[in-house]
Amino acid sequence: MTRSFYELSPQRMRDFDIELTLLLEAIYLKYQHDFRHYAMSSVRRRLTQALEEFDVLTLSQLQDRIIRSEADFNRLFHYLTVQVSDMFRDPPYFRALREHVLPLLQTYPSIKVWVAGCSTGEELWSLKILFDEAGLTERTLFYATDISPEALARAEAGIYALDRIAGFTRNYLASGGKHSLSDYYHAAYGGARFAGSLKERVVFADHSLSTDEVFLEAHLVSCRNVLIYFDRGLQDRALGLFERSLVRRGFLGLGSKESLRFSNHYSGFDEFRERERIYQKR
């Protein structure tokens, strides 16, 4: 069984980190996916798990595998991308959007929303429901982006396990939901399918916060629980993309453990709802 990184000897830990640097560089050169500035503690943990999955002893052996096999790289890709979310995760955030942000967005004749790092779509569909209940669906265009094609496909399908619905429903009601969550899904493929009419006016696209640039002018950017997996430099890069993307007085929503306060872009925003991590561009 593969030991965790912190159970290794000091010399083996140094060797592991050298191999890790080379592996991430190889991935960037071969596949143009840049994980070199992700938080290393998280990357170490996930790659330690990958060693066991691939039945290899070292990251050098793993590197040899993924350079020669795109299929092996695609398997490894799942370890390097975090696809964990819930509908209406952190209900106070969605309640703050409902009560304080959407009334201001209603003043625009058309609205664009960027859900960055949309993962498997739970946050996207949550926002779609929120905008639908505010009567903003017909004038809002959503852009849902992620670096994982598989995650985007799952997001577009909008199908989730039935055993997750009770948690989704609790979050929806706690966020100020106006109806029954069951109004927005139906049973399909052994799960609950949320897409249906919610799918209208949504654009799904591959986009990397590590390497890609601004591609739209948005009124709201929601990127939650993504920056925690980046180092400080990559966090600043992503926040710079969001700042340049937003219209004047546009809104940025971050995760509950994320903040603009110590970034290079803090001066470009007002703390609109600091407790819920919602900021407004100056």
C-alpha atoms as a PDB file:
ATOM      1  CA  MET A   1       0.000   0.000   0.000  1.00  0.00           C
ATOM      2  CA  THR A   2       1.320   3.454  -0.913  1.00  0.00           C
ATOM      3  CA  ARG A   3       2.205   5.596   2.078  1.00  0.00           C
ATOM      4  CA  SER A   4       1.082   9.214   2.306  1.00  0.00           C
ATOM      5  CA  PHE A   5       3.606  11.904   1.427  1.00  0.00           C
ATOM      6  CA  TYR A   6       4.110  12.866   5.071  1.00  0.00           C
ATOM      7  CA  GLU A   7       4.949   9.295   6.074  1.00  0.00           C
ATOM      8  CA  LEU A   8       7.989   9.291   3.784  1.00  0.00           C
ATOM      9  CA  SER A   9      11.530   9.885   4.975  1.00  0.00           C
ATOM     10  CA  PRO A  10      12.918  13.432   4.536  1.00  0.00           C
ATOM     11  CA  GLN A  11      15.043  12.283   1.579  1.00  0.00           C
ATOM     12  CA  ARG A  12      12.132  10.495  -0.056  1.00  0.00           C
ATOM     13  CA  MET A  13       9.959  13.591   0.442  1.00  0.00           C
ATOM     14  CA  ARG A  14      12.558  15.673  -1.400  1.00  0.00           C
ATOM     15  CA  ASP A  15      12.720  13.101  -4.193  1.00  0.00           C
ATOM     16  CA  PHE A  16       8.926  13.039  -4.390  1.00  0.00           C
ATOM     17  CA  ASP A  17       8.779  16.823  -4.799  1.00  0.00           C
ATOM     18  CA  ILE A  18      11.446  16.760  -7.534  1.00  0.00           C
ATOM     19  CA  GLU A  19       9.484  14.105  -9.388  1.00  0.00           C
ATOM     20  CA  LEU A  20       6.284  16.078  -8.801  1.00  0.00           C
ATOM     21  CA  THR A  21       7.780  19.200 -10.405  1.00  0.00           C
ATOM     22  CA  LEU A  22       8.906  17.176 -13.419  1.00  0.00           C
ATOM     23  CA  LEU A  23       5.535  15.423 -13.737  1.00  0.00           C
ATOM     24  CA  LEU A  24       3.544  18.675 -13.728  1.00  0.00           C
ATOM     25  CA  GLU A  25       5.945  20.197 -16.256  1.00  0.00           C
ATOM     26  CA  ALA A  26       5.557  17.135 -18.475  1.00  0.00           C
ATOM     27  CA  ILE A  27       1.769  17.377 -18.289  1.00  0.00           C
ATOM     28  CA  TYR A  28       1.928  21.028 -19.330  1.00  0.00           C
ATOM     29  CA  LEU A  29       4.297  20.368 -22.225  1.00  0.00           C
ATOM     30  CA  LYS A  30       2.447  17.293 -23.471  1.00  0.00           C
ATOM     31  CA  TYR A  31      -1.216  18.149 -22.851  1.00  0.00           C
ATOM     32  CA  GLN A  32      -1.217  21.946 -22.200  1.00  0.00           C
ATOM     33  CA  HIS A  33      -2.971  21.526 -18.865  1.00  0.00           C
ATOM     34  CA  ASP A  34      -1.192  23.655 -16.283  1.00  0.00           C
ATOM     35  CA  PHE A  35      -1.271  22.330 -12.709  1.00  0.00           C
ATOM     36  CA  ARG A  36       2.106  23.825 -11.785  1.00  0.00           C
ATOM     37  CA  HIS A  37       0.545  26.526  -9.621  1.00  0.00           C
ATOM     38  CA  TYR A  38      -2.070  24.499  -7.840  1.00  0.00           C
ATOM     39  CA  ALA A  39      -1.787  24.202  -4.059  1.00  0.00           C
ATOM     40  CA  MET A  40       0.926  21.595  -3.635  1.00  0.00           C
ATOM     41  CA  SER A  41      -0.472  20.028  -0.466  1.00  0.00           C
ATOM     42  CA  SER A  42      -3.609  19.057  -2.356  1.00  0.00           C
ATOM     43  CA  VAL A  43      -1.696  17.892  -5.453  1.00  0.00           C
ATOM     44  CA  ARG A  44       0.640  15.740  -3.329  1.00  0.00           C
ATOM     45  CA  ARG A  45      -2.294  14.067  -1.621  1.00  0.00           C
ATOM     46  CA  ARG A  46      -4.094  13.282  -4.856  1.00  0.00           C
ATOM     47  CA  LEU A  47      -1.001  12.019  -6.646  1.00  0.00           C
ATOM     48  CA  THR A  48      -0.114   9.786  -3.722  1.00  0.00           C
ATOM     49  CA  GLN A  49      -3.533   8.199  -4.195  1.00  0.00           C
ATOM     50  CA  ALA A  50      -2.884   7.938  -7.948  1.00  0.00           C
ATOM     51  CA  LEU A  51       0.280   5.887  -7.378  1.00  0.00           C
ATOM     52  CA  GLU A  52      -1.817   3.151  -5.842  1.00  0.00           C
ATOM     53  CA  GLU A  53      -4.467   3.379  -8.559  1.00  0.00           C
ATOM     54  CA  PHE A  54      -1.839   3.032 -11.308  1.00  0.00           C
ATOM     55  CA  ASP A  55       0.098   0.365  -9.369  1.00  0.00           C
ATOM     56  CA  VAL A  56       3.428   2.219  -9.620  1.00  0.00           C
ATOM     57  CA  LEU A  57       5.943   3.109  -6.919  1.00  0.00           C
ATOM     58  CA  THR A  58       7.161   6.519  -8.056  1.00  0.00           C
ATOM     59  CA  LEU A  59       5.922   9.620  -9.843  1.00  0.00           C
ATOM     60  CA  SER A  60       8.659   9.052 -12.416  1.00  0.00           C
ATOM     61  CA  GLN A  61       7.030   5.758 -13.347  1.00  0.00           C
ATOM     62  CA  LEU A  62       3.669   7.501 -13.464  1.00  0.00           C
ATOM     63  CA  GLN A  63       5.127  10.207 -15.708  1.00  0.00           C
ATOM     64  CA  ASP A  64       6.412   7.564 -18.114  1.00  0.00           C
ATOM     65  CA  ARG A  65       2.905   6.097 -18.299  1.00  0.00           C
ATOM     66  CA  ILE A  66       1.004   9.317 -18.928  1.00  0.00           C
ATOM     67  CA  ILE A  67       3.455  10.681 -21.516  1.00  0.00           C
ATOM     68  CA  ARG A  68       3.017   7.546 -23.631  1.00  0.00           C
ATOM     69  CA  SER A  69      -0.693   7.013 -23.079  1.00  0.00           C
ATOM     70  CA  GLU A  70      -3.367   9.677 -23.386  1.00  0.00           C
ATOM     71  CA  ALA A  71      -5.836   7.237 -21.869  1.00  0.00           C
ATOM     72  CA  ASP A  72      -3.655   7.011 -18.749  1.00  0.00           C
ATOM     73  CA  PHE A  73      -3.423  10.796 -18.645  1.00  0.00           C
ATOM     74  CA  ASN A  74      -7.203  11.055 -18.778  1.00  0.00           C
ATOM     75  CA  ARG A  75      -7.400   8.699 -15.807  1.00  0.00           C
ATOM     76  CA  LEU A  76      -4.861  10.813 -13.929  1.00  0.00           C
ATOM     77  CA  PHE A  77      -6.730  13.986 -14.875  1.00  0.00           C
ATOM     78  CA  HIS A  78      -9.547  12.949 -12.531  1.00  0.00           C
ATOM     79  CA  TYR A  79      -7.104  12.982  -9.609  1.00  0.00           C
ATOM     80  CA  LEU A  80      -5.912  16.476 -10.455  1.00  0.00           C
ATOM     81  CA  THR A  81      -9.340  18.063 -10.816  1.00  0.00           C
ATOM     82  CA  VAL A  82     -11.707  18.307  -7.896  1.00  0.00           C
ATOM     83  CA  GLN A  83     -15.336  17.656  -8.864  1.00  0.00           C
ATOM     84  CA  VAL A  84     -17.178  18.061  -5.567  1.00  0.00           C
ATOM     85  CA  SER A  85     -20.240  20.275  -5.262  1.00  0.00           C
ATOM     86  CA  ASP A  86     -23.865  20.489  -4.132  1.00  0.00           C
ATOM     87  CA  MET A  87     -26.888  22.387  -5.280  1.00  0.00           C
ATOM     88  CA  PHE A  88     -27.346  25.622  -3.315  1.00  0.00           C
ATOM     89  CA  ARG A  89     -24.141  24.864  -1.412  1.00  0.00           C
ATOM     90  CA  ASP A  90     -23.756  27.430   1.401  1.00  0.00           C
ATOM     91  CA  PRO A  91     -27.391  28.616   1.328  1.00  0.00           C
ATOM     92  CA  PRO A  92     -26.611  32.087   2.782  1.00  0.00           C
ATOM     93  CA  TYR A  93     -24.661  32.846  -0.415  1.00  0.00           C
ATOM     94  CA  PHE A  94     -27.669  32.092  -2.614  1.00  0.00           C
ATOM     95  CA  ARG A  95     -30.012  33.922  -0.262  1.00  0.00           C
ATOM     96  CA  ALA A  96     -27.766  36.996  -0.478  1.00  0.00           C
ATOM     97  CA  LEU A  97     -27.807  36.777  -4.268  1.00  0.00           C
ATOM     98  CA  ARG A  98     -31.592  36.437  -4.223  1.00  0.00           C
ATOM     99  CA  GLU A  99     -32.213  39.324  -1.838  1.00  0.00           C
ATOM    100  CA  HIS A 100     -29.407  41.787  -2.596  1.00  0.00           C
ATOM    101  CA  VAL A 101     -27.787  41.119  -5.982  1.00  0.00           C
ATOM    102  CA  LEU A 102     -30.639  40.081  -8.277  1.00  0.00           C
ATOM    103  CA  PRO A 103     -32.708  43.214  -7.526  1.00  0.00           C
ATOM    104  CA  LEU A 104     -29.782  45.266  -8.865  1.00  0.00           C
ATOM    105  CA  LEU A 105     -29.239  43.006 -11.872  1.00  0.00           C
ATOM    106  CA  GLN A 106     -32.900  43.470 -12.747  1.00  0.00           C
ATOM    107  CA  THR A 107     -32.041  47.027 -13.826  1.00  0.00           C
ATOM    108  CA  TYR A 108     -30.069  45.700 -16.822  1.00  0.00           C
ATOM    109  CA  PRO A 109     -31.864  44.971 -20.116  1.00  0.00           C
ATOM    110  CA  SER A 110     -29.654  41.889 -20.601  1.00  0.00           C
ATOM    111  CA  ILE A 111     -27.423  39.974 -18.202  1.00  0.00           C
ATOM    112  CA  LYS A 112     -24.445  37.657 -18.584  1.00  0.00           C
ATOM    113  CA  VAL A 113     -23.358  35.253 -15.857  1.00  0.00           C
ATOM    114  CA  TRP A 114     -20.087  33.338 -15.826  1.00  0.00           C
ATOM    115  CA  VAL A 115     -19.971  30.199 -13.670  1.00  0.00           C
ATOM    116  CA  ALA A 116     -16.220  29.547 -13.621  1.00  0.00           C
ATOM    117  CA  GLY A 117     -15.059  26.076 -12.604  1.00  0.00           C
ATOM    118  CA  CYS A 118     -18.631  24.811 -12.900  1.00  0.00           C
ATOM    119  CA  SER A 119     -17.612  21.207 -12.171  1.00  0.00           C
ATOM    120  CA  THR A 120     -20.574  18.864 -12.695  1.00  0.00           C
ATOM    121  CA  GLY A 121     -23.122  21.662 -12.801  1.00  0.00           C
ATOM    122  CA  GLU A 122     -24.740  21.810  -9.369  1.00  0.00           C
ATOM    123  CA  GLU A 123     -24.008  25.520  -8.927  1.00  0.00           C
ATOM    124  CA  LEU A 124     -25.040  26.333 -12.482  1.00  0.00           C
ATOM    125  CA  TRP A 125     -28.496  24.794 -12.077  1.00  0.00           C
ATOM    126  CA  SER A 126     -28.843  26.441  -8.668  1.00  0.00           C
ATOM    127  CA  LEU A 127     -28.229  29.844 -10.255  1.00  0.00           C
ATOM    128  CA  LYS A 128     -30.575  29.063 -13.125  1.00  0.00           C
ATOM    129  CA  ILE A 129     -33.360  28.288 -10.642  1.00  0.00           C
ATOM    130  CA  LEU A 130     -32.553  31.457  -8.696  1.00  0.00           C
ATOM    131  CA  PHE A 131     -32.765  33.612 -11.829  1.00  0.00           C
ATOM    132  CA  ASP A 132     -35.926  31.814 -12.970  1.00  0.00           C
ATOM    133  CA  GLU A 133     -37.660  32.617  -9.695  1.00  0.00           C
ATOM    134  CA  ALA A 134     -36.612  36.261 -10.055  1.00  0.00           C
ATOM    135  CA  GLY A 135     -38.108  36.432 -13.543  1.00  0.00           C
ATOM    136  CA  LEU A 136     -34.720  37.009 -15.170  1.00  0.00           C
ATOM    137  CA  THR A 137     -34.413  33.845 -17.264  1.00  0.00           C
ATOM    138  CA  GLU A 138     -35.359  35.357 -20.615  1.00  0.00           C
ATOM    139  CA  ARG A 139     -32.758  38.114 -20.464  1.00  0.00           C
ATOM    140  CA  THR A 140     -29.869  36.197 -18.909  1.00  0.00           C
ATOM    141  CA  LEU A 141     -27.198  34.206 -20.728  1.00  0.00           C
ATOM    142  CA  PHE A 142     -25.105  31.786 -18.680  1.00  0.00           C
ATOM    143  CA  TYR A 143     -21.571  30.664 -19.503  1.00  0.00           C
ATOM    144  CA  ALA A 144     -20.498  27.515 -17.644  1.00  0.00           C
ATOM    145  CA  THR A 145     -16.793  26.682 -17.929  1.00  0.00           C
ATOM    146  CA  ASP A 146     -14.430  24.040 -16.610  1.00  0.00           C
ATOM    147  CA  ILE A 147     -11.162  22.392 -17.634  1.00  0.00           C
ATOM    148  CA  SER A 148     -12.686  18.901 -17.531  1.00  0.00           C
ATOM    149  CA  PRO A 149     -14.633  17.803 -20.636  1.00  0.00           C
ATOM    150  CA  GLU A 150     -16.179  14.969 -18.627  1.00  0.00           C
ATOM    151  CA  ALA A 151     -17.372  17.363 -15.912  1.00  0.00           C
ATOM    152  CA  LEU A 152     -18.865  19.657 -18.554  1.00  0.00           C
ATOM    153  CA  ALA A 153     -20.702  16.723 -20.122  1.00  0.00           C
ATOM    154  CA  ARG A 154     -22.125  15.733 -16.748  1.00  0.00           C
ATOM    155  CA  ALA A 155     -23.082  19.348 -16.049  1.00  0.00           C
ATOM    156  CA  GLU A 156     -24.903  19.592 -19.363  1.00  0.00           C
ATOM    157  CA  ALA A 157     -26.745  16.318 -18.687  1.00  0.00           C
ATOM    158  CA  GLY A 158     -27.874  17.646 -15.302  1.00  0.00           C
ATOM    159  CA  ILE A 159     -28.488  14.171 -13.849  1.00  0.00           C
ATOM    160  CA  TYR A 160     -27.788  13.526 -10.166  1.00  0.00           C
ATOM    161  CA  ALA A 161     -28.234  10.562  -7.876  1.00  0.00           C
ATOM    162  CA  LEU A 162     -31.600  10.397  -6.143  1.00  0.00           C
ATOM    163  CA  ASP A 163     -29.957  10.026  -2.739  1.00  0.00           C
ATOM    164  CA  ARG A 164     -28.557  13.562  -3.102  1.00  0.00           C
ATOM    165  CA  ILE A 165     -31.942  15.196  -3.648  1.00  0.00           C
ATOM    166  CA  ALA A 166     -32.867  15.486   0.034  1.00  0.00           C
ATOM    167  CA  GLY A 167     -29.697  17.512   0.687  1.00  0.00           C
ATOM    168  CA  PHE A 168     -30.308  19.643  -2.400  1.00  0.00           C
ATOM    169  CA  THR A 169     -33.853  20.319  -1.199  1.00  0.00           C
ATOM    170  CA  ARG A 170     -32.740  21.389   2.287  1.00  0.00           C
ATOM    171  CA  ASN A 171     -30.227  23.799   0.785  1.00  0.00           C
ATOM    172  CA  TYR A 172     -32.804  25.168  -1.660  1.00  0.00           C
ATOM    173  CA  LEU A 173     -35.309  25.917   1.092  1.00  0.00           C
ATOM    174  CA  ALA A 174     -32.615  27.443   3.328  1.00  0.00           C
ATOM    175  CA  SER A 175     -31.605  29.722   0.455  1.00  0.00           C
ATOM    176  CA  GLY A 176     -35.123  31.151   0.252  1.00  0.00           C
ATOM    177  CA  GLY A 177     -36.524  28.897  -2.465  1.00  0.00           C
ATOM    178  CA  LYS A 178     -40.021  29.950  -3.518  1.00  0.00           C
ATOM    179  CA  HIS A 179     -41.383  26.670  -4.808  1.00  0.00           C
ATOM    180  CA  SER A 180     -40.660  22.958  -4.477  1.00  0.00           C
ATOM    181  CA  LEU A 181     -37.332  21.822  -5.871  1.00  0.00           C
ATOM    182  CA  SER A 182     -39.199  18.913  -7.480  1.00  0.00           C
ATOM    183  CA  ASP A 183     -40.690  21.470  -9.879  1.00  0.00           C
ATOM    184  CA  TYR A 184     -37.284  21.634 -11.565  1.00  0.00           C
ATOM    185  CA  TYR A 185     -36.431  17.966 -12.099  1.00  0.00           C
ATOM    186  CA  HIS A 186     -37.922  14.684 -13.164  1.00  0.00           C
ATOM    187  CA  ALA A 187     -36.863  11.086 -12.693  1.00  0.00           C
ATOM    188  CA  ALA A 188     -34.630   9.866 -15.515  1.00  0.00           C
ATOM    189  CA  TYR A 189     -31.798   7.383 -16.016  1.00  0.00           C
ATOM    190  CA  GLY A 190     -32.077   6.158 -12.441  1.00  0.00           C
ATOM    191  CA  GLY A 191     -31.589   9.671 -11.063  1.00  0.00           C
ATOM    192  CA  ALA A 192     -33.045  13.181 -11.052  1.00  0.00           C
ATOM    193  CA  ARG A 193     -32.588  15.211 -14.237  1.00  0.00           C
ATOM    194  CA  PHE A 194     -32.470  18.988 -13.750  1.00  0.00           C
ATOM    195  CA  ALA A 195     -31.668  20.174 -17.245  1.00  0.00           C
ATOM    196  CA  GLY A 196     -34.925  20.276 -19.255  1.00  0.00           C
ATOM    197  CA  SER A 197     -36.074  23.862 -19.778  1.00  0.00           C
ATOM    198  CA  LEU A 198     -33.269  25.095 -17.496  1.00  0.00           C
ATOM    199  CA  LYS A 199     -30.861  24.179 -20.280  1.00  0.00           C
ATOM    200  CA  GLU A 200     -31.987  27.098 -22.400  1.00  0.00           C
ATOM    201  CA  ARG A 201     -29.622  30.085 -22.644  1.00  0.00           C
ATOM    202  CA  VAL A 202     -26.613  28.172 -21.269  1.00  0.00           C
ATOM    203  CA  VAL A 203     -23.275  27.934 -23.084  1.00  0.00           C
ATOM    204  CA  PHE A 204     -20.843  25.216 -21.930  1.00  0.00           C
ATOM    205  CA  ALA A 205     -17.175  25.744 -22.760  1.00  0.00           C
ATOM    206  CA  ASP A 206     -13.720  24.422 -21.917  1.00  0.00           C
ATOM    207  CA  HIS A 207     -11.792  27.183 -20.150  1.00  0.00           C
ATOM    208  CA  SER A 208      -8.702  27.090 -17.927  1.00  0.00           C
ATOM    209  CA  LEU A 209      -8.133  29.735 -15.292  1.00  0.00           C
ATOM    210  CA  SER A 210      -4.441  28.803 -15.475  1.00  0.00           C
ATOM    211  CA  THR A 211      -3.828  29.481 -19.161  1.00  0.00           C
ATOM    212  CA  ASP A 212      -6.864  31.035 -20.898  1.00  0.00           C
ATOM    213  CA  GLU A 213      -7.954  34.662 -21.078  1.00  0.00           C
ATOM    214  CA  VAL A 214     -11.133  36.716 -20.677  1.00  0.00           C
ATOM    215  CA  PHE A 215     -13.787  35.791 -23.231  1.00  0.00           C
ATOM    216  CA  LEU A 216     -16.902  37.747 -22.171  1.00  0.00           C
ATOM    217  CA  GLU A 217     -18.214  40.801 -20.371  1.00  0.00           C
ATOM    218  CA  ALA A 218     -20.179  39.572 -17.361  1.00  0.00           C
ATOM    219  CA  HIS A 219     -22.506  41.111 -14.797  1.00  0.00           C
ATOM    220  CA  LEU A 220     -21.951  38.284 -12.314  1.00  0.00           C
ATOM    221  CA  VAL A 221     -19.025  35.898 -11.988  1.00  0.00           C
ATOM    222  CA  SER A 222     -19.539  33.005  -9.588  1.00  0.00           C
ATOM    223  CA  CYS A 223     -16.399  30.978  -8.899  1.00  0.00           C
ATOM    224  CA  ARG A 224     -16.761  29.142  -5.638  1.00  0.00           C
ATOM    225  CA  ASN A 225     -14.434  26.684  -3.917  1.00  0.00           C
ATOM    226  CA  VAL A 226     -11.989  26.711  -6.817  1.00  0.00           C
ATOM    227  CA  LEU A 227      -9.367  29.236  -5.693  1.00  0.00           C
ATOM    228  CA  ILE A 228      -8.610  27.200  -2.561  1.00  0.00           C
ATOM    229  CA  TYR A 229      -6.850  24.689  -4.824  1.00  0.00           C
ATOM    230  CA  PHE A 230      -4.543  27.359  -6.339  1.00  0.00           C
ATOM    231  CA  ASP A 231      -1.362  28.907  -5.025  1.00  0.00           C
ATOM    232  CA  ARG A 232      -1.291  32.675  -4.412  1.00  0.00           C
ATOM    233  CA  GLY A 233       0.041  33.527  -7.865  1.00  0.00           C
ATOM    234  CA  LEU A 234      -2.628  31.534  -9.684  1.00  0.00           C
ATOM    235  CA  GLN A 235      -5.328  32.921  -7.409  1.00  0.00           C
ATOM    236  CA  ASP A 236      -4.291  36.424  -8.443  1.00  0.00           C
ATOM    237  CA  ARG A 237      -4.302  35.430 -12.104  1.00  0.00           C
ATOM    238  CA  ALA A 238      -7.839  34.073 -11.847  1.00  0.00           C
ATOM    239  CA  LEU A 239      -9.076  37.082  -9.899  1.00  0.00           C
ATOM    240  CA  GLY A 240      -7.541  39.324 -12.563  1.00  0.00           C
ATOM    241  CA  LEU A 241      -9.554  37.487 -15.208  1.00  0.00           C
ATOM    242  CA  PHE A 242     -12.729  38.022 -13.200  1.00  0.00           C
ATOM    243  CA  GLU A 243     -12.025  41.714 -12.632  1.00  0.00           C
ATOM    244  CA  ARG A 244     -11.387  42.326 -16.333  1.00  0.00           C
ATOM    245  CA  SER A 245     -14.444  40.321 -17.295  1.00  0.00           C
ATOM    246  CA  LEU A 246     -16.882  42.169 -15.048  1.00  0.00           C
ATOM    247  CA  VAL A 247     -18.776  45.265 -16.117  1.00  0.00           C
ATOM    248  CA  ARG A 248     -18.480  48.313 -13.898  1.00  0.00           C
ATOM    249  CA  ARG A 249     -20.347  47.569 -10.635  1.00  0.00           C
ATOM    250  CA  GLY A 250     -20.582  43.906 -11.603  1.00  0.00           C
ATOM    251  CA  PHE A 251     -20.549  41.203  -8.925  1.00  0.00           C
ATOM    252  CA  LEU A 252     -18.072  38.482  -7.981  1.00  0.00           C
ATOM    253  CA  GLY A 253     -19.039  35.549  -5.763  1.00  0.00           C
ATOM    254  CA  LEU A 254     -16.412  33.358  -4.074  1.00  0.00           C
ATOM    255  CA  GLY A 255     -16.516  30.335  -1.774  1.00  0.00           C
ATOM    256  CA  SER A 256     -16.978  30.585   1.983  1.00  0.00           C
ATOM    257  CA  LYS A 257     -13.262  29.932   2.612  1.00  0.00           C
ATOM    258  CA  GLU A 258     -12.056  32.299  -0.108  1.00  0.00           C
ATOM    259  CA  SER A 259     -11.492  36.043   0.025  1.00  0.00           C
ATOM    260  CA  LEU A 260     -10.252  38.967  -2.026  1.00  0.00           C
ATOM    261  CA  ARG A 261      -8.800  40.652   1.032  1.00  0.00           C
ATOM    262  CA  PHE A 262      -5.162  39.590   0.577  1.00  0.00           C
ATOM    263  CA  SER A 263      -5.079  39.567  -3.220  1.00  0.00           C
ATOM    264  CA  ASN A 264      -3.591  42.123  -5.600  1.00  0.00           C
ATOM    265  CA  HIS A 265      -7.117  42.867  -6.849  1.00  0.00           C
ATOM    266  CA  TYR A 266      -8.700  43.798  -3.534  1.00  0.00           C
ATOM    267  CA  SER A 267      -8.573  47.518  -4.317  1.00  0.00           C
ATOM    268  CA  GLY A 268     -10.685  46.951  -7.434  1.00  0.00           C
ATOM    269  CA  PHE A 269     -13.717  45.775  -5.446  1.00  0.00           C
ATOM    270  CA  ASP A 270     -16.057  46.783  -2.655  1.00  0.00           C
ATOM    271  CA  GLU A 271     -17.104  44.245  -0.052  1.00  0.00           C
ATOM    272  CA  PHE A 272     -20.761  44.111  -1.023  1.00  0.00           C
ATOM    273  CA  ARG A 273     -21.648  41.186   1.249  1.00  0.00           C
ATOM    274  CA  GLU A 274     -18.420  40.183   2.951  1.00  0.00           C
ATOM    275  CA  ARG A 275     -19.962  37.476   5.139  1.00  0.00           C
ATOM    276  CA  GLU A 276     -21.273  35.699   2.026  1.00  0.00           C
ATOM    277  CA  ARG A 277     -18.116  36.511  -0.020  1.00  0.00           C
ATOM    278  CA  ILE A 278     -19.867  38.691  -2.596  1.00  0.00           C
ATOM    279  CA  TYR A 279     -17.891  41.613  -3.992  1.00  0.00           C
ATOM    280  CA  GLN A 280     -18.803  44.468  -6.328  1.00  0.00           C
ATOM    281  CA  LYS A 281     -16.393  45.869  -8.898  1.00  0.00           C
ATOM    282  CA  ARG A 282     -15.578  49.538  -8.374  1.00  0.00           C
END
